[in-house]
Amino acid sequence: MEIVAKPNKYELGEMLLEIGSLLMVSGANTERVKVTISRIAGAFGCDSDLMITNHALMITLTYKDEIKTFTSVKWVPNMHLNFNLISDISTMSWNIVEEKWSVERINTEIKSLDRKPLYPRIAVLFLVALAGASFCRLFGGGLTEMILCLLGSFLGLFVRQETMKLKFNFYVCIFFAALTASFIVGLYSFLNPDAVYVHALSTSVLFLIPGVPMINSFSDLIDGNILNGTTRGVNVLVIAFAISLGLMVSLLIFNLH
């Protein structure tokens, strides 16, 4: 395989860390990050050793034909799912190998991919709320419960987004979102004591279920990345506890059984 012209090792290392960070934040599992980084590093004629934790990446680059090494660490922020970005980066990594891209071109492409517009916020809020109402119907809820679940999910997600903007603790954001979503249903139940809205109450917080971290936890464990798999598994449990706590507070406020 033809090797791309060797760039400055610091530029290459920082670029690889940025790609790894984007993959982690977007929801990629540990093995996907390692394979992608190794593929790109190999195109520049060097080996990469990557250590991945829940919130940090450490990379060491070693050139095969000369004594050149680079080691650096990058902090990784909280997950913000973007499967399109993961797919685009994977495609880009193959283009780097086949078309011999330079570091400058890769950095330009990364900035372009990272700036791709996401779905409008109002569309996300409405569609997530609609999904919650649909689950409510699947679980046996009536029209009133579906409307309550839709309203609760909408406001719950809105609260989560706003608290994340204010840089609250991630688990506190989950708690407030669960509390808000269940509070809407609980309030209506309190004002209408003859009706039971169990289906709406239980499905109003489904949008908070950490499906991707759960899948990544099992994937990492199966791939032998025990530390990351265990860390992500514990993270899932803490998120579940925050959701349960929000529900419990609503039940206590309105004395629901």
Protein backbone atom coordinates (compact mmCIF):
# COMPACT_ATOMS: atom_id res chain seq x y z
CA MET A 1 0.00 0.00 0.00
CA GLU A 2 1.31 3.43 -0.96
CA ILE A 3 1.94 5.63 2.08
CA VAL A 4 0.75 9.23 2.33
CA ALA A 5 3.55 11.79 2.69
CA LYS A 6 4.56 12.04 6.34
CA PRO A 7 3.09 15.06 8.08
CA ASN A 8 4.23 16.74 11.28
CA LYS A 9 3.69 14.11 14.00
CA TYR A 10 2.00 16.64 16.28
CA GLU A 11 -0.49 17.65 13.60
CA LEU A 12 -1.25 14.02 12.81
CA GLY A 13 -1.66 13.08 16.48
CA GLU A 14 -3.97 15.99 17.28
CA MET A 15 -6.02 15.27 14.16
CA LEU A 16 -6.46 11.61 15.13
CA LEU A 17 -7.49 12.58 18.67
CA GLU A 18 -10.09 14.96 17.25
CA ILE A 19 -11.51 12.20 15.05
CA GLY A 20 -11.56 9.78 18.00
CA SER A 21 -13.31 12.36 20.17
CA LEU A 22 -15.98 13.00 17.52
CA LEU A 23 -16.63 9.26 17.20
CA MET A 24 -16.92 8.82 20.97
CA VAL A 25 -19.26 11.78 21.38
CA SER A 26 -21.41 10.60 18.46
CA GLY A 27 -21.98 7.19 20.08
CA ALA A 28 -19.39 4.88 18.50
CA ASN A 29 -18.25 1.88 20.51
CA THR A 30 -14.63 1.38 21.57
CA GLU A 31 -13.73 -1.09 18.80
CA ARG A 32 -15.07 1.21 16.07
CA VAL A 33 -12.92 4.08 17.36
CA LYS A 34 -9.80 1.91 17.51
CA VAL A 35 -10.26 0.46 14.02
CA THR A 36 -10.94 3.86 12.42
CA ILE A 37 -7.96 5.55 14.09
CA SER A 38 -5.67 2.64 13.24
CA ARG A 39 -6.79 2.73 9.59
CA ILE A 40 -6.05 6.45 9.23
CA ALA A 41 -2.72 6.23 11.09
CA GLY A 42 -1.68 3.32 8.88
CA ALA A 43 -2.25 5.47 5.79
CA PHE A 44 0.50 7.78 7.10
CA GLY A 45 2.92 4.94 7.77
CA CYS A 46 2.71 4.76 11.55
CA ASP A 47 1.25 2.51 14.24
CA SER A 48 -1.25 3.86 16.74
CA ASP A 49 -1.76 2.70 20.31
CA LEU A 50 -5.01 4.09 21.69
CA MET A 51 -6.25 4.02 25.26
CA ILE A 52 -9.92 4.88 25.59
CA THR A 53 -11.77 5.70 28.80
CA ASN A 54 -15.25 7.08 29.30
CA HIS A 55 -14.13 10.72 29.08
CA ALA A 56 -10.58 10.66 27.71
CA LEU A 57 -8.50 9.45 24.78
CA MET A 58 -4.75 8.85 24.89
CA ILE A 59 -2.83 8.07 21.72
CA THR A 60 0.77 7.12 21.00
CA LEU A 61 2.03 7.16 17.40
CA THR A 62 5.15 5.27 16.36
CA TYR A 63 6.66 5.48 12.88
CA LYS A 64 7.75 2.15 11.48
CA ASP A 65 10.98 3.22 9.79
CA GLU A 66 12.35 5.80 12.22
CA ILE A 67 12.39 6.62 15.90
CA LYS A 68 9.54 9.12 16.07
CA THR A 69 6.83 9.00 18.67
CA PHE A 70 3.95 11.20 19.71
CA THR A 71 1.82 10.86 22.85
CA SER A 72 -1.09 13.08 23.84
CA VAL A 73 -4.37 13.00 25.77
CA LYS A 74 -7.72 14.58 24.85
CA TRP A 75 -10.78 15.10 27.04
CA VAL A 76 -14.04 13.74 25.58
CA PRO A 77 -17.33 15.54 26.42
CA ASN A 78 -20.66 13.85 27.09
CA MET A 79 -22.32 11.79 24.38
CA HIS A 80 -24.44 13.60 21.79
CA LEU A 81 -25.70 10.96 19.39
CA ASN A 82 -25.01 11.52 15.70
CA PHE A 83 -24.93 8.30 13.68
CA ASN A 84 -24.60 10.22 10.42
CA LEU A 85 -21.29 11.65 11.62
CA ILE A 86 -20.01 8.18 12.55
CA SER A 87 -20.89 6.91 9.07
CA ASP A 88 -19.32 9.95 7.38
CA ILE A 89 -16.06 9.58 9.33
CA SER A 90 -15.90 5.87 8.48
CA THR A 91 -16.35 6.68 4.79
CA MET A 92 -13.74 9.44 5.07
CA SER A 93 -11.22 7.03 6.62
CA TRP A 94 -11.42 4.75 3.57
CA ASN A 95 -11.07 7.74 1.25
CA ILE A 96 -7.91 8.74 3.14
CA VAL A 97 -6.41 5.30 2.53
CA GLU A 98 -7.43 5.07 -1.14
CA GLU A 99 -6.90 8.69 -2.25
CA LYS A 100 -3.90 9.57 -0.03
CA TRP A 101 -5.41 12.64 1.64
CA SER A 102 -3.18 15.16 3.40
CA VAL A 103 -3.67 16.21 7.04
CA GLU A 104 -4.82 19.64 5.88
CA ARG A 105 -7.53 18.12 3.70
CA ILE A 106 -8.62 15.81 6.51
CA ASN A 107 -8.91 18.70 8.96
CA THR A 108 -10.98 20.65 6.45
CA GLU A 109 -13.26 17.65 5.93
CA ILE A 110 -13.65 17.11 9.69
CA LYS A 111 -14.74 20.72 10.17
CA SER A 112 -17.18 20.35 7.31
CA LEU A 113 -18.69 17.16 8.72
CA ASP A 114 -18.91 18.55 12.26
CA ARG A 115 -20.79 21.61 10.99
CA LYS A 116 -23.43 19.63 9.10
CA PRO A 117 -26.85 20.87 10.24
CA LEU A 118 -28.81 18.61 12.57
CA TYR A 119 -32.58 18.26 12.63
CA PRO A 120 -34.46 21.40 13.80
CA ARG A 121 -34.98 21.44 17.55
CA ILE A 122 -38.75 21.73 17.34
CA ALA A 123 -38.87 18.72 15.01
CA VAL A 124 -36.81 16.64 17.45
CA LEU A 125 -39.03 17.66 20.38
CA PHE A 126 -42.24 16.89 18.52
CA LEU A 127 -41.08 13.57 17.02
CA VAL A 128 -39.69 12.30 20.34
CA ALA A 129 -42.97 13.27 22.03
CA LEU A 130 -44.93 11.54 19.25
CA ALA A 131 -42.84 8.40 19.74
CA GLY A 132 -43.68 8.48 23.46
CA ALA A 133 -47.39 8.80 22.68
CA SER A 134 -47.09 5.88 20.25
CA PHE A 135 -45.47 3.69 22.90
CA CYS A 136 -48.25 4.70 25.27
CA ARG A 137 -50.79 3.43 22.75
CA LEU A 138 -48.86 0.19 22.26
CA PHE A 139 -48.92 -0.39 26.02
CA GLY A 140 -52.70 0.02 26.05
CA GLY A 141 -53.19 3.72 26.75
CA GLY A 142 -56.20 5.65 25.49
CA LEU A 143 -56.39 8.99 23.72
CA THR A 144 -56.17 11.03 26.93
CA GLU A 145 -53.11 9.10 28.08
CA MET A 146 -51.49 9.54 24.68
CA ILE A 147 -51.98 13.31 24.83
CA LEU A 148 -50.59 13.41 28.39
CA CYS A 149 -47.59 11.31 27.38
CA LEU A 150 -46.94 13.50 24.34
CA LEU A 151 -47.06 16.67 26.44
CA GLY A 152 -44.94 15.15 29.22
CA SER A 153 -42.29 13.83 26.83
CA PHE A 154 -42.15 17.14 24.97
CA LEU A 155 -41.63 19.20 28.13
CA GLY A 156 -39.31 16.61 29.67
CA LEU A 157 -36.98 16.65 26.68
CA PHE A 158 -37.15 20.46 26.58
CA VAL A 159 -36.09 20.62 30.25
CA ARG A 160 -33.26 18.18 29.62
CA GLN A 161 -31.94 20.25 26.71
CA GLU A 162 -32.14 23.49 28.69
CA THR A 163 -30.41 22.05 31.76
CA MET A 164 -27.67 20.63 29.54
CA LYS A 165 -27.17 24.12 28.08
CA LEU A 166 -26.82 25.46 31.62
CA LYS A 167 -24.11 22.80 32.20
CA PHE A 168 -25.92 20.99 34.99
CA ASN A 169 -24.60 17.60 36.03
CA PHE A 170 -25.61 15.04 33.38
CA TYR A 171 -27.49 12.83 35.84
CA VAL A 172 -29.26 15.83 37.37
CA CYS A 173 -30.47 16.72 33.87
CA ILE A 174 -31.91 13.22 33.53
CA PHE A 175 -33.60 13.53 36.93
CA PHE A 176 -35.22 16.88 36.09
CA ALA A 177 -36.39 15.56 32.72
CA ALA A 178 -37.97 12.46 34.29
CA LEU A 179 -39.54 14.59 37.03
CA THR A 180 -41.01 17.04 34.51
CA ALA A 181 -42.42 14.35 32.21
CA SER A 182 -44.00 12.36 35.06
CA PHE A 183 -45.14 15.52 36.87
CA ILE A 184 -47.43 16.46 33.95
CA VAL A 185 -49.13 13.07 34.04
CA GLY A 186 -49.20 13.02 37.85
CA LEU A 187 -50.82 16.45 38.03
CA TYR A 188 -53.61 15.43 35.67
CA SER A 189 -54.13 12.22 37.66
CA PHE A 190 -54.29 14.23 40.87
CA LEU A 191 -56.95 16.55 39.39
CA ASN A 192 -58.92 13.55 38.11
CA PRO A 193 -58.74 11.02 40.96
CA ASP A 194 -61.27 8.64 39.41
CA ALA A 195 -59.06 7.94 36.41
CA VAL A 196 -55.90 5.84 36.30
CA TYR A 197 -53.07 6.88 33.97
CA VAL A 198 -50.49 4.16 34.57
CA HIS A 199 -49.65 3.74 30.89
CA ALA A 200 -48.97 7.46 30.38
CA LEU A 201 -46.89 7.65 33.55
CA SER A 202 -44.69 4.70 32.64
CA THR A 203 -44.14 5.66 28.99
CA SER A 204 -43.63 9.41 29.48
CA VAL A 205 -39.98 8.80 30.45
CA LEU A 206 -39.08 6.23 27.79
CA PHE A 207 -37.23 8.88 25.75
CA LEU A 208 -34.62 8.93 28.53
CA ILE A 209 -33.78 5.21 28.31
CA PRO A 210 -30.03 4.97 27.48
CA GLY A 211 -30.29 2.49 24.61
CA VAL A 212 -27.01 3.35 22.85
CA PRO A 213 -24.82 3.29 26.01
CA MET A 214 -26.46 -0.02 26.91
CA ILE A 215 -25.68 -1.55 23.52
CA ASN A 216 -22.14 -0.13 23.55
CA SER A 217 -21.60 -1.59 27.02
CA PHE A 218 -22.43 -5.11 25.82
CA SER A 219 -20.47 -4.58 22.60
CA ASP A 220 -17.36 -3.49 24.51
CA LEU A 221 -17.61 -6.44 26.88
CA ILE A 222 -17.94 -8.87 23.98
CA ASP A 223 -14.96 -7.26 22.19
CA GLY A 224 -12.83 -7.64 25.33
CA ASN A 225 -12.83 -3.96 26.30
CA ILE A 226 -13.80 -4.87 29.86
CA LEU A 227 -13.00 -1.53 31.50
CA ASN A 228 -15.02 0.56 29.04
CA GLY A 229 -17.85 -1.98 28.97
CA THR A 230 -18.08 -1.97 32.76
CA THR A 231 -17.88 1.83 32.94
CA ARG A 232 -20.64 2.24 30.41
CA GLY A 233 -22.73 -0.40 32.17
CA VAL A 234 -22.44 1.46 35.47
CA ASN A 235 -23.32 4.68 33.62
CA VAL A 236 -26.50 3.02 32.35
CA LEU A 237 -27.42 1.97 35.89
CA VAL A 238 -26.93 5.50 37.24
CA ILE A 239 -29.08 6.92 34.44
CA ALA A 240 -31.78 4.36 35.25
CA PHE A 241 -31.56 5.37 38.92
CA ALA A 242 -31.98 9.07 37.98
CA ILE A 243 -35.06 8.22 35.89
CA SER A 244 -36.52 6.15 38.73
CA LEU A 245 -35.83 8.92 41.21
CA GLY A 246 -37.68 11.46 39.06
CA LEU A 247 -40.67 9.11 38.79
CA MET A 248 -40.64 8.41 42.52
CA VAL A 249 -40.66 12.12 43.42
CA SER A 250 -43.72 12.67 41.21
CA LEU A 251 -45.48 9.71 42.81
CA LEU A 252 -44.73 11.07 46.28
CA ILE A 253 -45.84 14.62 45.40
CA PHE A 254 -49.26 13.47 44.17
CA ASN A 255 -49.54 10.48 46.49
CA LEU A 256 -50.04 8.09 43.60
CA HIS A 257 -49.94 4.33 44.10
